[in-house]
Amino acid sequence: VLFRSLFSGAEGDEEKVEAVVEFLSASTWDAPQMPAGDAMRGRNLYHETGCVACHEPASDHRPANAPEDAELDRPGNASVPVVLADVWHQDALAAFLHQPLAFRPAGRMPDMLLTSQEAADIAAYLHLGRTQPGNALRAALQIPPQGIERGRQVFHEMRCAACHEAPGSSPVTAPSSHPMRALRLDQGCLAERQTSGIPRYDLNDLQKRALRLALISLQARAKPDHLAGPAQQTDWQMTRLNCYACHDRGYKGGPEDPRALHFTGTGLAIGQPGGSAHLPPSLDQAGARLGREGLEKILLGPRAPASSHTRMPLFGAPQVRPLVDWLLETDKGMPAR
């Protein structure tokens, strides 16, 4: 989910931004006490536990047991930016890494089953060489105090509460959305040049083109929600949760070579004949092979120790229970191999 900029263009009023900052800064959060992190340990954990399946590996980190002739190329597929490291305090980042589903229950950042020490170590590594942005600029602008109540007002005027909770804010009733067929594919956030007053998502040309094509397809359907079967729902959920970063299903997905080198473990051969045991298994016929009990055991935990250093994360029951149903329905009657 992209964070949209609501203060671009004519809305880029520094006083409004300052007011929201003051309002949000007035709230308190009892952050859990996290241990001191070790950046070098965090560097190894970041590359071994599975972070690099979605996030970019360091160009100078050579995986353990990697063949001497293995080239550490940059992954061709896009990596998820580690943006929270730029704006979060190190202890807050460590707390998030320790229990991400408590902060973001949608499962897009899964629980990697890190101990508090491991989370602190990775946070320390991600903070190497980073500085908190915006603080010097904010001080240089010398904006007079705006007041907490003014910030609360701007927070609601700009509809921040549509996505975020804030102290003392009541649930927001979403306005009625435009019918799918009424959407203009050359306006709003998809326009070549965005006008003032439109949330800015900083979509690149490829993303805009993909959205336009998807909307054209949806607009052509009479009832798109009723046409998606379990196979399409399975593919959609696996794409949304990025299961394909580690697993393949139906000739789709699986870690590309630059990332696959980082899937390491005890006694697992990498880059050798028959040396694919270090990679996550294929999910072809997973519903037929594992059944409901097996799927729920894997997806809902708890986890048994494995020879692989890379961990199978938890995405949360609300995300995986529907996936279990769709997998079982899609793979019903298939040979369990």
C-alpha atoms as a PDB file:
ATOM      1  CA  VAL A   1       0.000   0.000   0.000  1.00  0.00           C
ATOM      2  CA  LEU A   2       1.509   3.299  -1.067  1.00  0.00           C
ATOM      3  CA  PHE A   3       1.446   6.242   1.321  1.00  0.00           C
ATOM      4  CA  ARG A   4      -0.199   9.120  -0.455  1.00  0.00           C
ATOM      5  CA  SER A   5       1.009  12.688  -0.175  1.00  0.00           C
ATOM      6  CA  LEU A   6      -1.867  14.965   0.816  1.00  0.00           C
ATOM      7  CA  PHE A   7       0.155  18.141   1.100  1.00  0.00           C
ATOM      8  CA  SER A   8       1.498  18.539  -2.432  1.00  0.00           C
ATOM      9  CA  GLY A   9       0.599  21.423  -4.705  1.00  0.00           C
ATOM     10  CA  ALA A  10      -1.532  24.159  -3.170  1.00  0.00           C
ATOM     11  CA  GLU A  11      -2.068  21.944  -0.117  1.00  0.00           C
ATOM     12  CA  GLY A  12       1.669  22.087   0.596  1.00  0.00           C
ATOM     13  CA  ASP A  13       1.118  24.593   3.374  1.00  0.00           C
ATOM     14  CA  GLU A  14       3.938  24.297   5.901  1.00  0.00           C
ATOM     15  CA  GLU A  15       1.661  25.577   8.647  1.00  0.00           C
ATOM     16  CA  LYS A  16      -0.839  22.773   8.012  1.00  0.00           C
ATOM     17  CA  VAL A  17       1.947  20.221   8.083  1.00  0.00           C
ATOM     18  CA  GLU A  18       3.295  21.702  11.321  1.00  0.00           C
ATOM     19  CA  ALA A  19      -0.167  21.578  12.869  1.00  0.00           C
ATOM     20  CA  VAL A  20      -0.573  17.875  12.087  1.00  0.00           C
ATOM     21  CA  VAL A  21       2.937  17.190  13.434  1.00  0.00           C
ATOM     22  CA  GLU A  22       2.060  18.938  16.703  1.00  0.00           C
ATOM     23  CA  PHE A  23      -1.231  17.048  16.975  1.00  0.00           C
ATOM     24  CA  LEU A  24       0.386  13.656  16.412  1.00  0.00           C
ATOM     25  CA  SER A  25       3.378  14.483  18.622  1.00  0.00           C
ATOM     26  CA  ALA A  26       1.033  15.205  21.530  1.00  0.00           C
ATOM     27  CA  SER A  27      -0.032  11.573  21.679  1.00  0.00           C
ATOM     28  CA  THR A  28       2.009   9.197  23.779  1.00  0.00           C
ATOM     29  CA  TRP A  29       2.981   5.632  23.044  1.00  0.00           C
ATOM     30  CA  ASP A  30       4.444   3.332  25.637  1.00  0.00           C
ATOM     31  CA  ALA A  31       7.073   1.747  23.431  1.00  0.00           C
ATOM     32  CA  PRO A  32       8.255  -1.640  24.686  1.00  0.00           C
ATOM     33  CA  GLN A  33      11.768  -1.760  26.058  1.00  0.00           C
ATOM     34  CA  MET A  34      13.958  -3.268  23.365  1.00  0.00           C
ATOM     35  CA  PRO A  35      17.509  -4.508  23.910  1.00  0.00           C
ATOM     36  CA  ALA A  36      20.488  -2.763  22.377  1.00  0.00           C
ATOM     37  CA  GLY A  37      21.000  -3.933  18.826  1.00  0.00           C
ATOM     38  CA  ASP A  38      24.162  -5.206  17.164  1.00  0.00           C
ATOM     39  CA  ALA A  39      24.358  -4.024  13.562  1.00  0.00           C
ATOM     40  CA  MET A  40      26.729  -6.771  12.415  1.00  0.00           C
ATOM     41  CA  ARG A  41      24.504  -9.508  13.790  1.00  0.00           C
ATOM     42  CA  GLY A  42      21.582  -7.675  12.227  1.00  0.00           C
ATOM     43  CA  ARG A  43      23.314  -7.667   8.849  1.00  0.00           C
ATOM     44  CA  ASN A  44      23.560 -11.462   8.896  1.00  0.00           C
ATOM     45  CA  LEU A  45      19.999 -11.890  10.162  1.00  0.00           C
ATOM     46  CA  TYR A  46      18.650  -9.530   7.489  1.00  0.00           C
ATOM     47  CA  HIS A  47      20.199 -11.654   4.766  1.00  0.00           C
ATOM     48  CA  GLU A  48      19.511 -15.091   6.273  1.00  0.00           C
ATOM     49  CA  THR A  49      16.045 -15.035   7.827  1.00  0.00           C
ATOM     50  CA  GLY A  50      14.166 -14.067   4.667  1.00  0.00           C
ATOM     51  CA  CYS A  51      14.078 -10.260   4.601  1.00  0.00           C
ATOM     52  CA  VAL A  52      15.808 -10.216   1.200  1.00  0.00           C
ATOM     53  CA  ALA A  53      12.993 -12.206  -0.386  1.00  0.00           C
ATOM     54  CA  CYS A  54      11.170  -8.863  -0.569  1.00  0.00           C
ATOM     55  CA  HIS A  55      13.807  -6.260   0.300  1.00  0.00           C
ATOM     56  CA  GLU A  56      17.047  -5.667  -1.558  1.00  0.00           C
ATOM     57  CA  PRO A  57      20.163  -7.498  -0.356  1.00  0.00           C
ATOM     58  CA  ALA A  58      23.359  -5.547   0.199  1.00  0.00           C
ATOM     59  CA  SER A  59      25.611  -5.686  -2.840  1.00  0.00           C
ATOM     60  CA  ASP A  60      28.681  -6.508  -0.724  1.00  0.00           C
ATOM     61  CA  HIS A  61      27.151  -9.295   1.372  1.00  0.00           C
ATOM     62  CA  ARG A  62      28.224 -12.774   0.291  1.00  0.00           C
ATOM     63  CA  PRO A  63      25.940 -15.554   1.541  1.00  0.00           C
ATOM     64  CA  ALA A  64      27.443 -18.374   3.564  1.00  0.00           C
ATOM     65  CA  ASN A  65      28.218 -21.521   1.554  1.00  0.00           C
ATOM     66  CA  ALA A  66      27.678 -19.704  -1.744  1.00  0.00           C
ATOM     67  CA  PRO A  67      29.753 -21.167  -4.597  1.00  0.00           C
ATOM     68  CA  GLU A  68      32.967 -19.238  -5.260  1.00  0.00           C
ATOM     69  CA  ASP A  69      31.930 -18.560  -8.854  1.00  0.00           C
ATOM     70  CA  ALA A  70      28.465 -17.286  -7.884  1.00  0.00           C
ATOM     71  CA  GLU A  71      27.905 -13.727  -9.065  1.00  0.00           C
ATOM     72  CA  LEU A  72      26.114 -11.429  -6.640  1.00  0.00           C
ATOM     73  CA  ASP A  73      23.987  -9.630  -9.200  1.00  0.00           C
ATOM     74  CA  ARG A  74      21.387  -7.075  -8.232  1.00  0.00           C
ATOM     75  CA  PRO A  75      17.899  -8.635  -8.290  1.00  0.00           C
ATOM     76  CA  GLY A  76      16.002  -7.903 -11.462  1.00  0.00           C
ATOM     77  CA  ASN A  77      12.593  -7.793  -9.794  1.00  0.00           C
ATOM     78  CA  ALA A  78      11.728  -4.661  -7.864  1.00  0.00           C
ATOM     79  CA  SER A  79      12.502  -4.674  -4.156  1.00  0.00           C
ATOM     80  CA  VAL A  80      10.240  -3.269  -1.460  1.00  0.00           C
ATOM     81  CA  PRO A  81      11.941  -0.113  -0.105  1.00  0.00           C
ATOM     82  CA  VAL A  82      12.937  -0.146   3.559  1.00  0.00           C
ATOM     83  CA  VAL A  83      11.251   3.205   4.094  1.00  0.00           C
ATOM     84  CA  LEU A  84      10.415   2.855   7.791  1.00  0.00           C
ATOM     85  CA  ALA A  85      14.120   2.876   8.623  1.00  0.00           C
ATOM     86  CA  ASP A  86      14.257   6.432   7.259  1.00  0.00           C
ATOM     87  CA  VAL A  87      11.562   7.862   9.507  1.00  0.00           C
ATOM     88  CA  TRP A  88      11.196   5.653  12.581  1.00  0.00           C
ATOM     89  CA  HIS A  89      13.272   5.807  15.722  1.00  0.00           C
ATOM     90  CA  GLN A  90      15.456   2.709  16.057  1.00  0.00           C
ATOM     91  CA  ASP A  91      13.607   1.359  19.112  1.00  0.00           C
ATOM     92  CA  ALA A  92      10.235   1.874  17.429  1.00  0.00           C
ATOM     93  CA  LEU A  93      11.507   0.104  14.309  1.00  0.00           C
ATOM     94  CA  ALA A  94      12.736  -2.796  16.456  1.00  0.00           C
ATOM     95  CA  ALA A  95       9.332  -3.066  18.137  1.00  0.00           C
ATOM     96  CA  PHE A  96       7.661  -3.119  14.709  1.00  0.00           C
ATOM     97  CA  LEU A  97       9.979  -5.838  13.403  1.00  0.00           C
ATOM     98  CA  HIS A  98       9.334  -7.890  16.529  1.00  0.00           C
ATOM     99  CA  GLN A  99       5.534  -7.822  16.170  1.00  0.00           C
ATOM    100  CA  PRO A 100       4.602  -6.299  12.799  1.00  0.00           C
ATOM    101  CA  LEU A 101       1.051  -7.691  12.766  1.00  0.00           C
ATOM    102  CA  ALA A 102       0.261  -5.690  15.901  1.00  0.00           C
ATOM    103  CA  PHE A 103       1.000  -2.527  13.888  1.00  0.00           C
ATOM    104  CA  ARG A 104      -0.157  -3.603  10.423  1.00  0.00           C
ATOM    105  CA  PRO A 105      -2.593  -6.531  10.648  1.00  0.00           C
ATOM    106  CA  ALA A 106      -3.094  -6.729   6.870  1.00  0.00           C
ATOM    107  CA  GLY A 107      -0.063  -9.018   6.638  1.00  0.00           C
ATOM    108  CA  ARG A 108       1.826  -7.148   3.950  1.00  0.00           C
ATOM    109  CA  MET A 109       4.731  -7.078   6.409  1.00  0.00           C
ATOM    110  CA  PRO A 110       4.586 -10.567   7.949  1.00  0.00           C
ATOM    111  CA  ASP A 111       5.833 -11.723  11.311  1.00  0.00           C
ATOM    112  CA  MET A 112       9.295 -13.244  10.783  1.00  0.00           C
ATOM    113  CA  LEU A 113       9.235 -14.826  14.256  1.00  0.00           C
ATOM    114  CA  LEU A 114      12.123 -12.696  15.447  1.00  0.00           C
ATOM    115  CA  THR A 115      13.101 -12.551  19.078  1.00  0.00           C
ATOM    116  CA  SER A 116      13.294  -9.084  20.599  1.00  0.00           C
ATOM    117  CA  GLN A 117      17.093  -9.276  20.357  1.00  0.00           C
ATOM    118  CA  GLU A 118      17.011 -10.295  16.690  1.00  0.00           C
ATOM    119  CA  ALA A 119      14.567  -7.490  15.905  1.00  0.00           C
ATOM    120  CA  ALA A 120      16.820  -4.989  17.683  1.00  0.00           C
ATOM    121  CA  ASP A 121      19.842  -6.265  15.762  1.00  0.00           C
ATOM    122  CA  ILE A 122      18.134  -5.881  12.368  1.00  0.00           C
ATOM    123  CA  ALA A 123      16.868  -2.408  13.320  1.00  0.00           C
ATOM    124  CA  ALA A 124      20.413  -1.404  14.226  1.00  0.00           C
ATOM    125  CA  TYR A 125      21.655  -2.655  10.838  1.00  0.00           C
ATOM    126  CA  LEU A 126      18.913  -0.823   8.924  1.00  0.00           C
ATOM    127  CA  HIS A 127      19.782   2.391  10.757  1.00  0.00           C
ATOM    128  CA  LEU A 128      23.449   2.335   9.742  1.00  0.00           C
ATOM    129  CA  GLY A 129      24.274   5.587   7.941  1.00  0.00           C
ATOM    130  CA  ARG A 130      20.714   6.899   8.080  1.00  0.00           C
ATOM    131  CA  THR A 131      19.644  10.268   9.434  1.00  0.00           C
ATOM    132  CA  GLN A 132      16.187  11.379  10.451  1.00  0.00           C
ATOM    133  CA  PRO A 133      14.939  13.483   7.501  1.00  0.00           C
ATOM    134  CA  GLY A 134      13.020  16.675   7.815  1.00  0.00           C
ATOM    135  CA  ASN A 135      14.120  17.705  11.309  1.00  0.00           C
ATOM    136  CA  ALA A 136      16.697  20.255  10.147  1.00  0.00           C
ATOM    137  CA  LEU A 137      14.315  21.615   7.491  1.00  0.00           C
ATOM    138  CA  ARG A 138      11.519  21.918  10.023  1.00  0.00           C
ATOM    139  CA  ALA A 139      13.762  23.915  12.347  1.00  0.00           C
ATOM    140  CA  ALA A 140      15.020  26.118   9.500  1.00  0.00           C
ATOM    141  CA  LEU A 141      11.477  27.087   8.437  1.00  0.00           C
ATOM    142  CA  GLN A 142      10.860  28.582  11.898  1.00  0.00           C
ATOM    143  CA  ILE A 143       7.128  27.992  11.652  1.00  0.00           C
ATOM    144  CA  PRO A 144       5.243  29.402  14.652  1.00  0.00           C
ATOM    145  CA  PRO A 145       3.341  26.877  16.807  1.00  0.00           C
ATOM    146  CA  GLN A 146      -0.031  26.011  15.334  1.00  0.00           C
ATOM    147  CA  GLY A 147      -1.680  24.301  18.277  1.00  0.00           C
ATOM    148  CA  ILE A 148      -2.943  20.781  18.834  1.00  0.00           C
ATOM    149  CA  GLU A 149      -6.580  21.603  18.092  1.00  0.00           C
ATOM    150  CA  ARG A 150      -5.609  23.150  14.751  1.00  0.00           C
ATOM    151  CA  GLY A 151      -3.696  19.971  13.980  1.00  0.00           C
ATOM    152  CA  ARG A 152      -6.704  17.840  14.884  1.00  0.00           C
ATOM    153  CA  GLN A 153      -8.831  19.942  12.534  1.00  0.00           C
ATOM    154  CA  VAL A 154      -6.381  19.592   9.621  1.00  0.00           C
ATOM    155  CA  PHE A 155      -6.056  15.846  10.322  1.00  0.00           C
ATOM    156  CA  HIS A 156      -9.793  15.450   9.713  1.00  0.00           C
ATOM    157  CA  GLU A 157     -10.038  18.008   6.894  1.00  0.00           C
ATOM    158  CA  MET A 158      -7.396  16.145   4.905  1.00  0.00           C
ATOM    159  CA  ARG A 159      -9.128  12.816   5.645  1.00  0.00           C
ATOM    160  CA  CYS A 160      -6.055  11.305   7.314  1.00  0.00           C
ATOM    161  CA  ALA A 161      -8.505   9.368   9.487  1.00  0.00           C
ATOM    162  CA  ALA A 162      -9.650   7.426   6.420  1.00  0.00           C
ATOM    163  CA  CYS A 163      -6.519   5.282   6.823  1.00  0.00           C
ATOM    164  CA  HIS A 164      -5.088   6.118  10.238  1.00  0.00           C
ATOM    165  CA  GLU A 165      -6.373   6.121  13.788  1.00  0.00           C
ATOM    166  CA  ALA A 166      -5.511   9.019  16.032  1.00  0.00           C
ATOM    167  CA  PRO A 167      -6.084   9.815  19.713  1.00  0.00           C
ATOM    168  CA  GLY A 168      -9.590  11.098  20.297  1.00  0.00           C
ATOM    169  CA  SER A 169     -10.682  10.552  16.704  1.00  0.00           C
ATOM    170  CA  SER A 170     -14.002   8.872  16.020  1.00  0.00           C
ATOM    171  CA  PRO A 171     -14.547   6.350  13.205  1.00  0.00           C
ATOM    172  CA  VAL A 172     -14.916   8.021   9.828  1.00  0.00           C
ATOM    173  CA  THR A 173     -17.747   7.149   7.500  1.00  0.00           C
ATOM    174  CA  ALA A 174     -16.291   6.745   4.044  1.00  0.00           C
ATOM    175  CA  PRO A 175     -17.988   8.741   1.289  1.00  0.00           C
ATOM    176  CA  SER A 176     -19.756   6.825  -1.426  1.00  0.00           C
ATOM    177  CA  SER A 177     -17.333   5.781  -4.136  1.00  0.00           C
ATOM    178  CA  HIS A 178     -17.725   6.500  -7.831  1.00  0.00           C
ATOM    179  CA  PRO A 179     -19.149   3.645  -9.909  1.00  0.00           C
ATOM    180  CA  MET A 180     -16.429   1.631 -11.641  1.00  0.00           C
ATOM    181  CA  ARG A 181     -17.734   2.543 -15.097  1.00  0.00           C
ATOM    182  CA  ALA A 182     -17.653   6.258 -14.239  1.00  0.00           C
ATOM    183  CA  LEU A 183     -13.937   6.347 -13.480  1.00  0.00           C
ATOM    184  CA  ARG A 184     -11.852   8.464 -15.864  1.00  0.00           C
ATOM    185  CA  LEU A 185      -8.549   6.789 -16.598  1.00  0.00           C
ATOM    186  CA  ASP A 186      -6.796  10.006 -17.583  1.00  0.00           C
ATOM    187  CA  GLN A 187      -7.630  11.990 -14.462  1.00  0.00           C
ATOM    188  CA  GLY A 188      -6.855  12.029 -10.766  1.00  0.00           C
ATOM    189  CA  CYS A 189      -3.790  10.090  -9.680  1.00  0.00           C
ATOM    190  CA  LEU A 190      -3.552   8.524 -13.175  1.00  0.00           C
ATOM    191  CA  ALA A 191      -3.264  11.876 -14.975  1.00  0.00           C
ATOM    192  CA  GLU A 192      -0.040  12.768 -16.742  1.00  0.00           C
ATOM    193  CA  ARG A 193       0.103  15.977 -14.724  1.00  0.00           C
ATOM    194  CA  GLN A 194      -1.728  15.927 -11.419  1.00  0.00           C
ATOM    195  CA  THR A 195      -3.701  18.961 -10.416  1.00  0.00           C
ATOM    196  CA  SER A 196      -3.807  20.427  -6.937  1.00  0.00           C
ATOM    197  CA  GLY A 197      -6.116  18.752  -4.453  1.00  0.00           C
ATOM    198  CA  ILE A 198      -5.490  15.210  -5.686  1.00  0.00           C
ATOM    199  CA  PRO A 199      -3.659  12.788  -3.387  1.00  0.00           C
ATOM    200  CA  ARG A 200      -0.225  12.106  -4.834  1.00  0.00           C
ATOM    201  CA  TYR A 201       0.894   8.476  -4.835  1.00  0.00           C
ATOM    202  CA  ASP A 202       4.072   9.027  -6.869  1.00  0.00           C
ATOM    203  CA  LEU A 203       3.126   6.267  -9.301  1.00  0.00           C
ATOM    204  CA  ASN A 204       5.629   5.650 -12.064  1.00  0.00           C
ATOM    205  CA  ASP A 205       4.584   5.239 -15.706  1.00  0.00           C
ATOM    206  CA  LEU A 206       4.593   1.436 -15.492  1.00  0.00           C
ATOM    207  CA  GLN A 207       2.323   1.448 -12.434  1.00  0.00           C
ATOM    208  CA  LYS A 208      -0.076   3.904 -14.053  1.00  0.00           C
ATOM    209  CA  ARG A 209      -0.246   1.784 -17.205  1.00  0.00           C
ATOM    210  CA  ALA A 210      -0.894  -1.375 -15.169  1.00  0.00           C
ATOM    211  CA  LEU A 211      -3.701   0.337 -13.244  1.00  0.00           C
ATOM    212  CA  ARG A 212      -5.304   1.643 -16.428  1.00  0.00           C
ATOM    213  CA  LEU A 213      -5.244  -1.822 -18.021  1.00  0.00           C
ATOM    214  CA  ALA A 214      -6.717  -3.385 -14.882  1.00  0.00           C
ATOM    215  CA  LEU A 215      -9.476  -0.786 -14.698  1.00  0.00           C
ATOM    216  CA  ILE A 216     -10.307  -1.224 -18.390  1.00  0.00           C
ATOM    217  CA  SER A 217     -10.701  -4.949 -17.745  1.00  0.00           C
ATOM    218  CA  LEU A 218     -12.875  -4.384 -14.669  1.00  0.00           C
ATOM    219  CA  GLN A 219     -15.048  -1.814 -16.422  1.00  0.00           C
ATOM    220  CA  ALA A 220     -15.743  -4.307 -19.192  1.00  0.00           C
ATOM    221  CA  ARG A 221     -17.205  -6.831 -16.743  1.00  0.00           C
ATOM    222  CA  ALA A 222     -20.766  -6.720 -15.574  1.00  0.00           C
ATOM    223  CA  LYS A 223     -20.115  -8.173 -12.117  1.00  0.00           C
ATOM    224  CA  PRO A 224     -16.366  -8.536 -11.591  1.00  0.00           C
ATOM    225  CA  ASP A 225     -16.701  -9.642  -7.957  1.00  0.00           C
ATOM    226  CA  HIS A 226     -18.786 -12.664  -8.958  1.00  0.00           C
ATOM    227  CA  LEU A 227     -16.544 -13.841 -11.777  1.00  0.00           C
ATOM    228  CA  ALA A 228     -13.437 -14.605  -9.709  1.00  0.00           C
ATOM    229  CA  GLY A 229     -13.209 -18.297  -8.856  1.00  0.00           C
ATOM    230  CA  PRO A 230     -11.033 -19.944  -6.201  1.00  0.00           C
ATOM    231  CA  ALA A 231      -8.056 -20.233  -8.573  1.00  0.00           C
ATOM    232  CA  GLN A 232      -8.113 -16.495  -9.272  1.00  0.00           C
ATOM    233  CA  GLN A 233      -8.641 -15.729  -5.587  1.00  0.00           C
ATOM    234  CA  THR A 234      -5.673 -17.948  -4.676  1.00  0.00           C
ATOM    235  CA  ASP A 235      -3.437 -16.197  -7.191  1.00  0.00           C
ATOM    236  CA  TRP A 236      -4.641 -12.770  -6.023  1.00  0.00           C
ATOM    237  CA  GLN A 237      -3.978 -13.501  -2.347  1.00  0.00           C
ATOM    238  CA  MET A 238      -0.588 -15.080  -3.021  1.00  0.00           C
ATOM    239  CA  THR A 239       0.337 -12.004  -5.058  1.00  0.00           C
ATOM    240  CA  ARG A 240      -0.936  -9.589  -2.408  1.00  0.00           C
ATOM    241  CA  LEU A 241       1.021 -11.314   0.356  1.00  0.00           C
ATOM    242  CA  ASN A 242       3.999 -11.809  -1.993  1.00  0.00           C
ATOM    243  CA  CYS A 243       4.063 -15.576  -1.435  1.00  0.00           C
ATOM    244  CA  TYR A 244       5.566 -15.776  -4.921  1.00  0.00           C
ATOM    245  CA  ALA A 245       8.748 -14.161  -3.626  1.00  0.00           C
ATOM    246  CA  CYS A 246       9.630 -17.525  -2.056  1.00  0.00           C
ATOM    247  CA  HIS A 247       7.304 -20.145  -3.546  1.00  0.00           C
ATOM    248  CA  ASP A 248       6.310 -21.118  -7.058  1.00  0.00           C
ATOM    249  CA  ARG A 249       2.876 -22.321  -8.095  1.00  0.00           C
ATOM    250  CA  GLY A 250       1.674 -22.994 -11.595  1.00  0.00           C
ATOM    251  CA  TYR A 251       5.000 -21.939 -13.208  1.00  0.00           C
ATOM    252  CA  LYS A 252       4.787 -18.575 -11.464  1.00  0.00           C
ATOM    253  CA  GLY A 253       7.057 -17.207  -8.751  1.00  0.00           C
ATOM    254  CA  GLY A 254       9.974 -18.534  -6.747  1.00  0.00           C
ATOM    255  CA  PRO A 255      13.120 -16.625  -5.733  1.00  0.00           C
ATOM    256  CA  GLU A 256      15.232 -15.295  -8.587  1.00  0.00           C
ATOM    257  CA  ASP A 257      18.896 -16.312  -8.563  1.00  0.00           C
ATOM    258  CA  PRO A 258      20.364 -13.233  -6.803  1.00  0.00           C
ATOM    259  CA  ARG A 259      17.919 -13.742  -3.918  1.00  0.00           C
ATOM    260  CA  ALA A 260      18.013 -17.558  -3.955  1.00  0.00           C
ATOM    261  CA  LEU A 261      21.683 -17.461  -2.936  1.00  0.00           C
ATOM    262  CA  HIS A 262      20.606 -15.973   0.407  1.00  0.00           C
ATOM    263  CA  PHE A 263      18.362 -18.927   1.277  1.00  0.00           C
ATOM    264  CA  THR A 264      20.889 -20.759   3.432  1.00  0.00           C
ATOM    265  CA  GLY A 265      20.790 -23.436   6.080  1.00  0.00           C
ATOM    266  CA  THR A 266      22.628 -26.145   7.947  1.00  0.00           C
ATOM    267  CA  GLY A 267      24.032 -28.765   5.604  1.00  0.00           C
ATOM    268  CA  LEU A 268      22.105 -27.485   2.581  1.00  0.00           C
ATOM    269  CA  ALA A 269      23.919 -27.412  -0.758  1.00  0.00           C
ATOM    270  CA  ILE A 270      23.663 -24.224  -2.796  1.00  0.00           C
ATOM    271  CA  GLY A 271      24.382 -23.968  -6.492  1.00  0.00           C
ATOM    272  CA  GLN A 272      25.235 -27.681  -6.782  1.00  0.00           C
ATOM    273  CA  PRO A 273      23.437 -30.555  -8.548  1.00  0.00           C
ATOM    274  CA  GLY A 274      20.421 -31.451  -6.458  1.00  0.00           C
ATOM    275  CA  GLY A 275      21.152 -28.481  -4.253  1.00  0.00           C
ATOM    276  CA  SER A 276      17.670 -26.942  -4.251  1.00  0.00           C
ATOM    277  CA  ALA A 277      16.822 -28.195  -0.763  1.00  0.00           C
ATOM    278  CA  HIS A 278      17.629 -24.752   0.600  1.00  0.00           C
ATOM    279  CA  LEU A 279      14.781 -23.209  -1.409  1.00  0.00           C
ATOM    280  CA  PRO A 280      11.152 -23.012  -0.246  1.00  0.00           C
ATOM    281  CA  PRO A 281       8.972 -25.796  -1.692  1.00  0.00           C
ATOM    282  CA  SER A 282       6.662 -25.495  -4.658  1.00  0.00           C
ATOM    283  CA  LEU A 283       2.995 -24.952  -3.848  1.00  0.00           C
ATOM    284  CA  ASP A 284       1.701 -26.925  -6.823  1.00  0.00           C
ATOM    285  CA  GLN A 285      -1.190 -29.153  -5.644  1.00  0.00           C
ATOM    286  CA  ALA A 286      -0.596 -27.830  -2.105  1.00  0.00           C
ATOM    287  CA  GLY A 287      -4.270 -28.175  -1.251  1.00  0.00           C
ATOM    288  CA  ALA A 288      -4.364 -31.822  -2.347  1.00  0.00           C
ATOM    289  CA  ARG A 289      -1.011 -32.700  -0.753  1.00  0.00           C
ATOM    290  CA  LEU A 290      -1.431 -31.045   2.612  1.00  0.00           C
ATOM    291  CA  GLY A 291      -5.171 -30.870   3.249  1.00  0.00           C
ATOM    292  CA  ARG A 292      -6.762 -28.396   5.633  1.00  0.00           C
ATOM    293  CA  GLU A 293      -4.922 -29.636   8.714  1.00  0.00           C
ATOM    294  CA  GLY A 294      -1.522 -29.463   7.041  1.00  0.00           C
ATOM    295  CA  LEU A 295      -2.108 -26.049   5.491  1.00  0.00           C
ATOM    296  CA  GLU A 296      -3.354 -24.530   8.730  1.00  0.00           C
ATOM    297  CA  LYS A 297      -0.449 -26.029  10.673  1.00  0.00           C
ATOM    298  CA  ILE A 298       2.034 -24.411   8.286  1.00  0.00           C
ATOM    299  CA  LEU A 299       0.280 -21.079   7.842  1.00  0.00           C
ATOM    300  CA  LEU A 300      -0.929 -20.535  11.389  1.00  0.00           C
ATOM    301  CA  GLY A 301       2.027 -22.014  13.325  1.00  0.00           C
ATOM    302  CA  PRO A 302       3.627 -22.775  15.696  1.00  0.00           C
ATOM    303  CA  ARG A 303       6.848 -23.484  13.848  1.00  0.00           C
ATOM    304  CA  ALA A 304       9.145 -26.454  14.281  1.00  0.00           C
ATOM    305  CA  PRO A 305      12.932 -25.922  14.035  1.00  0.00           C
ATOM    306  CA  ALA A 306      14.131 -26.314  10.459  1.00  0.00           C
ATOM    307  CA  SER A 307      17.487 -26.819   8.816  1.00  0.00           C
ATOM    308  CA  SER A 308      16.918 -23.675   6.747  1.00  0.00           C
ATOM    309  CA  HIS A 309      17.906 -20.320   8.214  1.00  0.00           C
ATOM    310  CA  THR A 310      15.147 -18.699   6.178  1.00  0.00           C
ATOM    311  CA  ARG A 311      11.891 -18.611   8.101  1.00  0.00           C
ATOM    312  CA  MET A 312       8.329 -19.216   7.000  1.00  0.00           C
ATOM    313  CA  PRO A 313       6.587 -16.103   8.353  1.00  0.00           C
ATOM    314  CA  LEU A 314       3.142 -15.643   9.862  1.00  0.00           C
ATOM    315  CA  PHE A 315       0.666 -13.476   7.951  1.00  0.00           C
ATOM    316  CA  GLY A 316      -2.199 -13.584  10.454  1.00  0.00           C
ATOM    317  CA  ALA A 317      -5.297 -15.768  10.526  1.00  0.00           C
ATOM    318  CA  PRO A 318      -7.572 -13.252   8.692  1.00  0.00           C
ATOM    319  CA  GLN A 319      -5.215 -13.363   5.692  1.00  0.00           C
ATOM    320  CA  VAL A 320      -4.511 -17.097   5.480  1.00  0.00           C
ATOM    321  CA  ARG A 321      -7.815 -18.769   6.423  1.00  0.00           C
ATOM    322  CA  PRO A 322      -9.456 -17.672   3.135  1.00  0.00           C
ATOM    323  CA  LEU A 323      -6.306 -18.766   1.282  1.00  0.00           C
ATOM    324  CA  VAL A 324      -6.611 -22.235   2.809  1.00  0.00           C
ATOM    325  CA  ASP A 325     -10.210 -22.490   1.563  1.00  0.00           C
ATOM    326  CA  TRP A 326      -9.264 -21.345  -1.934  1.00  0.00           C
ATOM    327  CA  LEU A 327      -6.290 -23.726  -2.149  1.00  0.00           C
ATOM    328  CA  LEU A 328      -8.446 -26.680  -1.090  1.00  0.00           C
ATOM    329  CA  GLU A 329     -11.162 -25.789  -3.590  1.00  0.00           C
ATOM    330  CA  THR A 330      -8.714 -25.124  -6.453  1.00  0.00           C
ATOM    331  CA  ASP A 331      -6.695 -28.315  -5.925  1.00  0.00           C
ATOM    332  CA  LYS A 332      -9.682 -30.577  -5.211  1.00  0.00           C
ATOM    333  CA  GLY A 333      -9.376 -33.809  -7.150  1.00  0.00           C
ATOM    334  CA  MET A 334      -5.764 -33.198  -8.192  1.00  0.00           C
ATOM    335  CA  PRO A 335      -3.166 -35.918  -7.600  1.00  0.00           C
ATOM    336  CA  ALA A 336      -1.261 -35.294  -4.366  1.00  0.00           C
ATOM    337  CA  ARG A 337       2.347 -35.191  -5.605  1.00  0.00           C
END
